[in-house]
C-alpha atoms as a PDB file:
ATOM      1  CA  UNK A   1     129.803  38.875  -3.197  1.00  0.00           C
ATOM      2  CA  UNK A   2     130.338  41.393  -5.993  1.00  0.00           C
ATOM      3  CA  UNK A   3     129.046  44.950  -5.453  1.00  0.00           C
ATOM      4  CA  UNK A   4     128.671  47.547  -8.122  1.00  0.00           C
ATOM      5  CA  UNK A   5     131.426  50.105  -8.301  1.00  0.00           C
ATOM      6  CA  UNK A   6     129.130  53.036  -7.452  1.00  0.00           C
ATOM      7  CA  UNK A   7     127.942  51.349  -4.280  1.00  0.00           C
ATOM      8  CA  UNK A   8     131.491  50.821  -3.101  1.00  0.00           C
ATOM      9  CA  UNK A   9     132.236  54.507  -3.473  1.00  0.00           C
ATOM     10  CA  UNK A  10     129.214  55.490  -1.344  1.00  0.00           C
ATOM     11  CA  UNK A  11     130.103  52.968   1.386  1.00  0.00           C
ATOM     12  CA  UNK A  12     133.710  54.157   1.605  1.00  0.00           C
ATOM     13  CA  UNK A  13     132.576  57.802   1.820  1.00  0.00           C
ATOM     14  CA  UNK A  14     130.171  57.092   4.706  1.00  0.00           C
ATOM     15  CA  UNK A  15     132.775  55.080   6.591  1.00  0.00           C
ATOM     16  CA  UNK A  16     135.261  57.924   6.357  1.00  0.00           C
ATOM     17  CA  UNK A  17     132.761  60.437   7.602  1.00  0.00           C
ATOM     18  CA  UNK A  18     131.969  58.291  10.628  1.00  0.00           C
ATOM     19  CA  UNK A  19     135.622  57.835  11.419  1.00  0.00           C
ATOM     20  CA  UNK A  20     136.350  61.547  11.399  1.00  0.00           C
ATOM     21  CA  UNK A  21     133.184  62.738  13.210  1.00  0.00           C
ATOM     22  CA  UNK A  22     133.352  63.813  16.910  1.00  0.00           C
ATOM     23  CA  UNK A  23     130.796  65.074  19.387  1.00  0.00           C
ATOM     24  CA  UNK A  24     130.907  68.371  21.273  1.00  0.00           C
ATOM     25  CA  UNK A  25     129.506  68.222  24.876  1.00  0.00           C
ATOM     26  CA  UNK A  26     126.345  70.268  25.231  1.00  0.00           C
ATOM     27  CA  UNK A  27     126.436  72.735  28.104  1.00  0.00           C
ATOM     28  CA  UNK A  28     123.749  72.228  30.738  1.00  0.00           C
ATOM     29  CA  UNK A  29     120.973  74.751  30.825  1.00  0.00           C
ATOM     30  CA  UNK A  30     121.889  77.159  33.669  1.00  0.00           C
ATOM     31  CA  UNK A  31     118.249  78.124  34.222  1.00  0.00           C
ATOM     32  CA  UNK A  32     117.270  75.283  36.670  1.00  0.00           C
ATOM     33  CA  UNK A  33     120.260  76.006  38.879  1.00  0.00           C
ATOM     34  CA  UNK A  34     119.343  79.661  38.888  1.00  0.00           C
ATOM     35  CA  UNK A  35     115.786  78.805  39.846  1.00  0.00           C
ATOM     36  CA  UNK A  36     117.003  76.588  42.688  1.00  0.00           C
ATOM     37  CA  UNK A  37     119.157  79.412  44.031  1.00  0.00           C
ATOM     38  CA  UNK A  38     116.265  81.808  43.791  1.00  0.00           C
ATOM     39  CA  UNK A  39     114.077  79.459  45.903  1.00  0.00           C
ATOM     40  CA  UNK A  40     116.551  79.465  48.817  1.00  0.00           C
ATOM     41  CA  UNK A  41     115.714  81.789  51.813  1.00  0.00           C
ATOM     42  CA  UNK A  42     117.936  84.838  52.204  1.00  0.00           C
ATOM     43  CA  UNK A  43     120.849  84.535  54.641  1.00  0.00           C
ATOM     44  CA  UNK A  44     119.004  86.727  57.200  1.00  0.00           C
ATOM     45  CA  UNK A  45     116.251  84.052  57.486  1.00  0.00           C
ATOM     46  CA  UNK A  46     118.582  81.151  58.058  1.00  0.00           C
ATOM     47  CA  UNK A  47     119.020  79.774  61.607  1.00  0.00           C
ATOM     48  CA  UNK A  48     121.525  81.871  63.567  1.00  0.00           C
ATOM     49  CA  UNK A  49     124.922  80.402  64.220  1.00  0.00           C
ATOM     50  CA  UNK A  50     125.457  78.623  67.546  1.00  0.00           C
ATOM     51  CA  UNK A  51     127.743  81.404  68.785  1.00  0.00           C
ATOM     52  CA  UNK A  52     125.035  84.044  68.241  1.00  0.00           C
ATOM     53  CA  UNK A  53     122.481  81.994  70.206  1.00  0.00           C
ATOM     54  CA  UNK A  54     124.876  81.715  73.128  1.00  0.00           C
ATOM     55  CA  UNK A  55     125.262  85.493  73.374  1.00  0.00           C
ATOM     56  CA  UNK A  56     121.519  86.139  73.932  1.00  0.00           C
ATOM     57  CA  UNK A  57     120.836  88.183  77.098  1.00  0.00           C
ATOM     58  CA  UNK A  58     120.120  86.169  80.262  1.00  0.00           C
ATOM     59  CA  UNK A  59     116.564  86.115  81.600  1.00  0.00           C
ATOM     60  CA  UNK A  60     115.983  88.323  84.666  1.00  0.00           C
ATOM     61  CA  UNK A  61     115.581  86.367  87.935  1.00  0.00           C
ATOM     62  CA  UNK A  62     112.041  85.907  89.231  1.00  0.00           C
ATOM     63  CA  UNK A  63     111.179  88.190  92.177  1.00  0.00           C
ATOM     64  CA  UNK A  64     110.921  86.352  95.518  1.00  0.00           C
ATOM     65  CA  UNK A  65     107.479  85.133  96.521  1.00  0.00           C
ATOM     66  CA  UNK A  66     108.036  83.518  99.932  1.00  0.00           C
ATOM     67  CA  UNK A  67     109.212  85.646 102.885  1.00  0.00           C
ATOM     68  CA  UNK A  68     109.861  84.421 106.429  1.00  0.00           C
ATOM     69  CA  UNK A  69     111.757  85.951 109.344  1.00  0.00           C
ATOM     70  CA  UNK A  70     112.356  85.665 113.081  1.00  0.00           C
ATOM     71  CA  UNK A  71     112.964  88.737 115.247  1.00  0.00           C
ATOM     72  CA  UNK A  72     114.392  89.105 118.752  1.00  0.00           C
ATOM     73  CA  UNK A  73     114.618  92.367 120.693  1.00  0.00           C
ATOM     74  CA  UNK A  74     115.733  93.584 124.095  1.00  0.00           C
ATOM     75  CA  UNK A  75     114.721  96.802 125.789  1.00  0.00           C
ATOM     76  CA  UNK A  76     112.245  98.292 128.242  1.00  0.00           C
ATOM     77  CA  UNK A  77     108.784  97.002 129.180  1.00  0.00           C
ATOM     78  CA  UNK A  78     106.358  99.463 130.767  1.00  0.00           C
ATOM     79  CA  UNK A  79     102.869  99.171 132.248  1.00  0.00           C
ATOM     80  CA  UNK A  80     100.863 102.246 133.230  1.00  0.00           C
ATOM     81  CA  UNK A  81      97.541 101.891 135.059  1.00  0.00           C
ATOM     82  CA  UNK A  82      95.539 105.065 134.755  1.00  0.00           C
ATOM     83  CA  UNK A  83      93.786 106.756 137.694  1.00  0.00           C
ATOM     84  CA  UNK A  84      95.398 104.635 140.430  1.00  0.00           C
ATOM     85  CA  UNK A  85      97.978 107.093 141.708  1.00  0.00           C
ATOM     86  CA  UNK A  86     100.855 105.075 140.219  1.00  0.00           C
ATOM     87  CA  UNK A  87     100.444 102.034 142.497  1.00  0.00           C
ATOM     88  CA  UNK A  88     100.171  99.573 139.590  1.00  0.00           C
ATOM     89  CA  UNK A  89     102.533 101.345 137.238  1.00  0.00           C
ATOM     90  CA  UNK A  90     106.188 100.791 136.510  1.00  0.00           C
ATOM     91  CA  UNK A  91     108.818  99.669 134.018  1.00  0.00           C
ATOM     92  CA  UNK A  92     111.636  97.150 133.875  1.00  0.00           C
ATOM     93  CA  UNK A  93     113.825  95.242 131.427  1.00  0.00           C
ATOM     94  CA  UNK A  94     111.945  93.227 128.862  1.00  0.00           C
ATOM     95  CA  UNK A  95     112.205  91.097 125.763  1.00  0.00           C
ATOM     96  CA  UNK A  96     110.357  90.688 122.497  1.00  0.00           C
ATOM     97  CA  UNK A  97     110.065  87.884 119.910  1.00  0.00           C
ATOM     98  CA  UNK A  98     108.272  87.546 116.571  1.00  0.00           C
ATOM     99  CA  UNK A  99     107.815  84.826 113.946  1.00  0.00           C
ATOM    100  CA  UNK A 100     106.348  85.868 110.592  1.00  0.00           C
ATOM    101  CA  UNK A 101     105.799  84.373 107.131  1.00  0.00           C
ATOM    102  CA  UNK A 102     103.944  85.387 103.974  1.00  0.00           C
ATOM    103  CA  UNK A 103     103.551  84.234 100.377  1.00  0.00           C
ATOM    104  CA  UNK A 104     102.809  86.535  97.436  1.00  0.00           C
ATOM    105  CA  UNK A 105     101.475  85.183  94.126  1.00  0.00           C
ATOM    106  CA  UNK A 106     102.441  86.464  90.674  1.00  0.00           C
ATOM    107  CA  UNK A 107      99.421  88.777  90.747  1.00  0.00           C
ATOM    108  CA  UNK A 108     100.981  90.706  93.673  1.00  0.00           C
ATOM    109  CA  UNK A 109      98.573  89.472  96.349  1.00  0.00           C
ATOM    110  CA  UNK A 110      98.838  86.769  99.008  1.00  0.00           C
ATOM    111  CA  UNK A 111      98.545  86.019 102.694  1.00  0.00           C
ATOM    112  CA  UNK A 112     100.487  85.242 105.823  1.00  0.00           C
ATOM    113  CA  UNK A 113     100.700  85.258 109.597  1.00  0.00           C
ATOM    114  CA  UNK A 114     102.684  86.882 112.397  1.00  0.00           C
ATOM    115  CA  UNK A 115     103.006  85.744 116.012  1.00  0.00           C
ATOM    116  CA  UNK A 116     104.705  88.053 118.498  1.00  0.00           C
ATOM    117  CA  UNK A 117     104.929  88.738 122.188  1.00  0.00           C
ATOM    118  CA  UNK A 118     106.754  90.731 124.839  1.00  0.00           C
ATOM    119  CA  UNK A 119     107.476  90.126 128.519  1.00  0.00           C
ATOM    120  CA  UNK A 120     108.881  91.958 131.539  1.00  0.00           C
ATOM    121  CA  UNK A 121     111.003  90.848 134.461  1.00  0.00           C
ATOM    122  CA  UNK A 122     109.152  89.892 137.656  1.00  0.00           C
ATOM    123  CA  UNK A 123     109.835  93.280 139.299  1.00  0.00           C
ATOM    124  CA  UNK A 124     107.603  95.333 137.015  1.00  0.00           C
ATOM    125  CA  UNK A 125     106.269  97.319 139.995  1.00  0.00           C
ATOM    126  CA  UNK A 126     109.382  96.908 142.114  1.00  0.00           C
ATOM    127  CA  UNK A 127     109.633 100.638 142.811  1.00  0.00           C
ATOM    128  CA  UNK A 128     106.214 100.560 144.502  1.00  0.00           C
ATOM    129  CA  UNK A 129     106.804  98.362 147.550  1.00  0.00           C
ATOM    130  CA  UNK A 130     108.435  95.330 145.964  1.00  0.00           C
ATOM    131  CA  UNK A 131     105.256  93.799 144.539  1.00  0.00           C
ATOM    132  CA  UNK A 132     106.211  90.649 142.608  1.00  0.00           C
ATOM    133  CA  UNK A 133     104.257  91.191 139.391  1.00  0.00           C
ATOM    134  CA  UNK A 134     105.187  90.266 135.836  1.00  0.00           C
ATOM    135  CA  UNK A 135     103.621  91.690 132.685  1.00  0.00           C
ATOM    136  CA  UNK A 136     103.422  90.135 129.234  1.00  0.00           C
ATOM    137  CA  UNK A 137     101.612  90.506 125.926  1.00  0.00           C
ATOM    138  CA  UNK A 138     100.778  88.155 123.069  1.00  0.00           C
ATOM    139  CA  UNK A 139      99.619  88.835 119.531  1.00  0.00           C
ATOM    140  CA  UNK A 140      98.472  86.719 116.564  1.00  0.00           C
ATOM    141  CA  UNK A 141      97.927  88.495 113.230  1.00  0.00           C
ATOM    142  CA  UNK A 142      96.406  86.664 110.236  1.00  0.00           C
ATOM    143  CA  UNK A 143      96.533  88.891 107.189  1.00  0.00           C
ATOM    144  CA  UNK A 144      95.882  89.413 103.518  1.00  0.00           C
ATOM    145  CA  UNK A 145      98.881  91.061 101.835  1.00  0.00           C
ATOM    146  CA  UNK A 146      99.190  93.162  98.669  1.00  0.00           C
ATOM    147  CA  UNK A 147     102.435  94.328  97.086  1.00  0.00           C
ATOM    148  CA  UNK A 148     101.705  97.127  94.590  1.00  0.00           C
ATOM    149  CA  UNK A 149     105.316  97.730  93.509  1.00  0.00           C
ATOM    150  CA  UNK A 150     107.243  95.295  91.278  1.00  0.00           C
ATOM    151  CA  UNK A 151     110.499  97.276  91.355  1.00  0.00           C
ATOM    152  CA  UNK A 152     113.376  95.183  92.722  1.00  0.00           C
ATOM    153  CA  UNK A 153     114.860  98.194  94.523  1.00  0.00           C
ATOM    154  CA  UNK A 154     111.630  99.068  96.367  1.00  0.00           C
ATOM    155  CA  UNK A 155     109.047  96.933  98.126  1.00  0.00           C
ATOM    156  CA  UNK A 156     106.057  98.007 100.228  1.00  0.00           C
ATOM    157  CA  UNK A 157     103.779  95.176 101.376  1.00  0.00           C
ATOM    158  CA  UNK A 158     100.421  96.282 102.791  1.00  0.00           C
ATOM    159  CA  UNK A 159      98.790  93.865 105.252  1.00  0.00           C
ATOM    160  CA  UNK A 160      95.265  93.850 106.654  1.00  0.00           C
ATOM    161  CA  UNK A 161      93.366  91.271 108.670  1.00  0.00           C
ATOM    162  CA  UNK A 162      92.088  90.159 112.067  1.00  0.00           C
ATOM    163  CA  UNK A 163      94.321  89.982 115.122  1.00  0.00           C
ATOM    164  CA  UNK A 164      94.075  88.518 118.610  1.00  0.00           C
ATOM    165  CA  UNK A 165      95.751  90.434 121.418  1.00  0.00           C
ATOM    166  CA  UNK A 166      96.307  89.610 125.088  1.00  0.00           C
ATOM    167  CA  UNK A 167      97.801  91.591 127.973  1.00  0.00           C
ATOM    168  CA  UNK A 168      98.454  89.981 131.350  1.00  0.00           C
ATOM    169  CA  UNK A 169      99.412  91.152 134.825  1.00  0.00           C
ATOM    170  CA  UNK A 170     100.431  88.168 136.960  1.00  0.00           C
ATOM    171  CA  UNK A 171     101.028  88.486 140.734  1.00  0.00           C
ATOM    172  CA  UNK A 172     103.025  85.446 141.836  1.00  0.00           C
ATOM    173  CA  UNK A 173     102.582  86.203 145.577  1.00  0.00           C
ATOM    174  CA  UNK A 174      98.793  86.543 145.743  1.00  0.00           C
ATOM    175  CA  UNK A 175      97.887  84.508 142.625  1.00  0.00           C
ATOM    176  CA  UNK A 176      95.876  87.473 141.361  1.00  0.00           C
ATOM    177  CA  UNK A 177      95.787  87.789 137.597  1.00  0.00           C
ATOM    178  CA  UNK A 178      94.286  90.321 135.213  1.00  0.00           C
ATOM    179  CA  UNK A 179      93.805  89.342 131.574  1.00  0.00           C
ATOM    180  CA  UNK A 180      92.787  91.610 128.702  1.00  0.00           C
ATOM    181  CA  UNK A 181      91.726  89.362 125.780  1.00  0.00           C
ATOM    182  CA  UNK A 182      90.916  91.237 122.584  1.00  0.00           C
ATOM    183  CA  UNK A 183      89.867  90.639 118.966  1.00  0.00           C
ATOM    184  CA  UNK A 184      90.125  93.333 116.298  1.00  0.00           C
ATOM    185  CA  UNK A 185      91.222  94.492 112.848  1.00  0.00           C
ATOM    186  CA  UNK A 186      94.723  95.719 111.961  1.00  0.00           C
ATOM    187  CA  UNK A 187      96.387  97.521 109.046  1.00  0.00           C
ATOM    188  CA  UNK A 188     100.170  97.400 108.528  1.00  0.00           C
ATOM    189  CA  UNK A 189     102.625  98.742 105.947  1.00  0.00           C
ATOM    190  CA  UNK A 190     106.345  97.944 105.732  1.00  0.00           C
ATOM    191  CA  UNK A 191     108.306  99.779 103.006  1.00  0.00           C
ATOM    192  CA  UNK A 192     111.865  98.758 102.199  1.00  0.00           C
ATOM    193  CA  UNK A 193     114.325 100.349  99.796  1.00  0.00           C
ATOM    194  CA  UNK A 194     117.629  98.908  98.534  1.00  0.00           C
ATOM    195  CA  UNK A 195     120.395 101.478  98.105  1.00  0.00           C
ATOM    196  CA  UNK A 196     123.003  98.975  96.863  1.00  0.00           C
ATOM    197  CA  UNK A 197     122.056  95.853  94.896  1.00  0.00           C
ATOM    198  CA  UNK A 198     124.514  93.131  93.961  1.00  0.00           C
ATOM    199  CA  UNK A 199     124.151  89.411  93.311  1.00  0.00           C
ATOM    200  CA  UNK A 200     126.050  88.528  96.476  1.00  0.00           C
ATOM    201  CA  UNK A 201     125.248  91.484  98.737  1.00  0.00           C
ATOM    202  CA  UNK A 202     122.624  94.215  98.946  1.00  0.00           C
ATOM    203  CA  UNK A 203     122.137  96.994 101.487  1.00  0.00           C
ATOM    204  CA  UNK A 204     119.164  99.209 102.255  1.00  0.00           C
ATOM    205  CA  UNK A 205     116.706 100.733 104.704  1.00  0.00           C
ATOM    206  CA  UNK A 206     113.331  99.599 105.987  1.00  0.00           C
ATOM    207  CA  UNK A 207     110.471 100.885 108.122  1.00  0.00           C
ATOM    208  CA  UNK A 208     107.109  99.753 109.380  1.00  0.00           C
ATOM    209  CA  UNK A 209     103.925 101.073 110.955  1.00  0.00           C
ATOM    210  CA  UNK A 210     100.752  99.368 112.147  1.00  0.00           C
ATOM    211  CA  UNK A 211      97.503 100.232 113.871  1.00  0.00           C
ATOM    212  CA  UNK A 212      94.509  98.259 115.052  1.00  0.00           C
ATOM    213  CA  UNK A 213      91.302  98.596 117.045  1.00  0.00           C
ATOM    214  CA  UNK A 214      89.695  95.817 119.087  1.00  0.00           C
ATOM    215  CA  UNK A 215      86.949  94.770 121.476  1.00  0.00           C
ATOM    216  CA  UNK A 216      88.166  93.469 124.843  1.00  0.00           C
ATOM    217  CA  UNK A 217      87.009  91.040 127.478  1.00  0.00           C
ATOM    218  CA  UNK A 218      88.749  91.683 130.818  1.00  0.00           C
ATOM    219  CA  UNK A 219      89.002  88.852 133.332  1.00  0.00           C
ATOM    220  CA  UNK A 220      89.915  89.269 137.023  1.00  0.00           C
ATOM    221  CA  UNK A 221      91.017  86.000 138.598  1.00  0.00           C
ATOM    222  CA  UNK A 222      91.823  85.384 142.261  1.00  0.00           C
ATOM    223  CA  UNK A 223      90.486  83.883 145.463  1.00  0.00           C
ATOM    224  CA  UNK A 224      88.901  81.020 143.562  1.00  0.00           C
ATOM    225  CA  UNK A 225      86.655  83.333 141.550  1.00  0.00           C
ATOM    226  CA  UNK A 226      86.559  85.055 138.184  1.00  0.00           C
ATOM    227  CA  UNK A 227      84.807  88.236 137.072  1.00  0.00           C
ATOM    228  CA  UNK A 228      84.675  89.448 133.455  1.00  0.00           C
ATOM    229  CA  UNK A 229      84.139  92.933 132.063  1.00  0.00           C
ATOM    230  CA  UNK A 230      83.721  94.325 128.567  1.00  0.00           C
ATOM    231  CA  UNK A 231      85.893  97.062 127.122  1.00  0.00           C
ATOM    232  CA  UNK A 232      87.746  98.189 124.033  1.00  0.00           C
ATOM    233  CA  UNK A 233      91.215  99.296 123.041  1.00  0.00           C
ATOM    234  CA  UNK A 234      93.808  99.766 120.314  1.00  0.00           C
ATOM    235  CA  UNK A 235      97.360  98.808 119.332  1.00  0.00           C
ATOM    236  CA  UNK A 236     100.118 100.725 117.556  1.00  0.00           C
ATOM    237  CA  UNK A 237     103.488  99.610 116.260  1.00  0.00           C
ATOM    238  CA  UNK A 238     106.539 101.090 114.553  1.00  0.00           C
ATOM    239  CA  UNK A 239     110.040  99.989 113.542  1.00  0.00           C
ATOM    240  CA  UNK A 240     112.901 101.273 111.401  1.00  0.00           C
ATOM    241  CA  UNK A 241     116.505 100.412 110.655  1.00  0.00           C
ATOM    242  CA  UNK A 242     119.014  99.020 108.174  1.00  0.00           C
ATOM    243  CA  UNK A 243     118.916  95.742 106.285  1.00  0.00           C
ATOM    244  CA  UNK A 244     121.208  93.503 104.255  1.00  0.00           C
ATOM    245  CA  UNK A 245     120.571  90.728 101.749  1.00  0.00           C
ATOM    246  CA  UNK A 246     123.147  87.954 101.373  1.00  0.00           C
ATOM    247  CA  UNK A 247     123.166  85.998  98.115  1.00  0.00           C
ATOM    248  CA  UNK A 248     119.600  87.118  97.265  1.00  0.00           C
ATOM    249  CA  UNK A 249     118.034  84.716  99.782  1.00  0.00           C
ATOM    250  CA  UNK A 250     119.166  85.446 103.367  1.00  0.00           C
ATOM    251  CA  UNK A 251     118.206  88.763 104.959  1.00  0.00           C
ATOM    252  CA  UNK A 252     119.235  90.458 108.191  1.00  0.00           C
ATOM    253  CA  UNK A 253     117.836  93.570 109.862  1.00  0.00           C
ATOM    254  CA  UNK A 254     118.934  95.723 112.748  1.00  0.00           C
ATOM    255  CA  UNK A 255     116.885  98.591 114.092  1.00  0.00           C
ATOM    256  CA  UNK A 256     114.513 100.070 116.635  1.00  0.00           C
ATOM    257  CA  UNK A 257     111.141  98.548 117.500  1.00  0.00           C
ATOM    258  CA  UNK A 258     108.165  99.982 119.394  1.00  0.00           C
ATOM    259  CA  UNK A 259     104.868  98.391 120.423  1.00  0.00           C
ATOM    260  CA  UNK A 260     102.057  99.869 122.516  1.00  0.00           C
ATOM    261  CA  UNK A 261      98.623  98.601 123.545  1.00  0.00           C
ATOM    262  CA  UNK A 262      95.980 100.765 125.151  1.00  0.00           C
ATOM    263  CA  UNK A 263      92.953  99.453 127.038  1.00  0.00           C
ATOM    264  CA  UNK A 264      90.150 101.811 128.016  1.00  0.00           C
ATOM    265  CA  UNK A 265      88.367 101.630 131.339  1.00  0.00           C
ATOM    266  CA  UNK A 266      85.916  98.745 131.393  1.00  0.00           C
ATOM    267  CA  UNK A 267      82.194  98.875 131.941  1.00  0.00           C
ATOM    268  CA  UNK A 268      80.911  98.691 135.509  1.00  0.00           C
ATOM    269  CA  UNK A 269      79.655  95.387 136.924  1.00  0.00           C
ATOM    270  CA  UNK A 270      78.392  94.970 140.503  1.00  0.00           C
ATOM    271  CA  UNK A 271      79.915  98.321 141.362  1.00  0.00           C
ATOM    272  CA  UNK A 272      83.358  97.250 140.083  1.00  0.00           C
ATOM    273  CA  UNK A 273      85.292  98.305 137.019  1.00  0.00           C
ATOM    274  CA  UNK A 274      88.819  97.743 135.669  1.00  0.00           C
ATOM    275  CA  UNK A 275      90.922 100.867 135.225  1.00  0.00           C
ATOM    276  CA  UNK A 276      92.365 101.683 131.834  1.00  0.00           C
ATOM    277  CA  UNK A 277      95.949 100.631 131.174  1.00  0.00           C
ATOM    278  CA  UNK A 278      98.720 101.196 128.639  1.00  0.00           C
ATOM    279  CA  UNK A 279     101.437  98.610 128.012  1.00  0.00           C
ATOM    280  CA  UNK A 280     104.473  99.294 125.828  1.00  0.00           C
ATOM    281  CA  UNK A 281     107.776  97.789 124.744  1.00  0.00           C
ATOM    282  CA  UNK A 282     110.652  99.595 123.056  1.00  0.00           C
ATOM    283  CA  UNK A 283     114.137  98.390 122.235  1.00  0.00           C
ATOM    284  CA  UNK A 284     116.734  97.292 119.695  1.00  0.00           C
ATOM    285  CA  UNK A 285     115.887  94.393 117.425  1.00  0.00           C
ATOM    286  CA  UNK A 286     117.758  91.873 115.275  1.00  0.00           C
ATOM    287  CA  UNK A 287     115.959  89.932 112.556  1.00  0.00           C
ATOM    288  CA  UNK A 288     117.083  87.015 110.373  1.00  0.00           C
ATOM    289  CA  UNK A 289     114.987  85.845 107.454  1.00  0.00           C
ATOM    290  CA  UNK A 290     114.851  84.088 104.097  1.00  0.00           C
ATOM    291  CA  UNK A 291     113.161  84.918 100.802  1.00  0.00           C
ATOM    292  CA  UNK A 292     112.707  82.739  97.722  1.00  0.00           C
END
């Protein structure tokens, strides 16, 4: 095919321009990347590194809620009958035991129980003619408890509730027995303070005081018969000493313990009445308990 001369010149010129042309890469618009960076949260809002999370302070241990202990004591048991010239009065060696438990809710209130008793040897009135008489007491205390303080170094439970109290004089030779059976209301406080607190061992002091009033039914048994009388009385208690806590859960106490019960003279029935009497125990005590 034959092309005109002018057309050939134009074709050759275009072909040369295409052969020598080259393309420059166009730089990407930096604005989207900038916008993406601006939408990221600042470094302070990012999740903390694993190492920082591990160094957070440990949560404080929960205060104990359940308390239980058993107490044994040895000392002197005394019975004093008033207005009898000392015939039915005396003292001898004696023992004491107590079992107690209580639970306190997160609100600082709860409840519990305490069973305790004391007993003498069988020569309670041995200095008055060798009469073979033994004395003993028993006590059941069902209480509501409140703990106003939440400080780990100081605790002062306050207990109030009904109690049942018995005092017995038992003559093994004549089978004569006198029982004072009472029901009343008692208030008790028991502060404790920790002077040294460690995870494995703590040391401190404790004390306790209680008082109650009650109505009494007195029973005289012997000779196949029984006579009852009405009366009233009161109880008092105190204790104090040192305490230790082992591993936050096992507690021990050593101290002095005192209990006294007073019965007033009974009403008269058929020309008879029961003289007033005071029974007490005092001695050294050892207590072992747990708290969780």
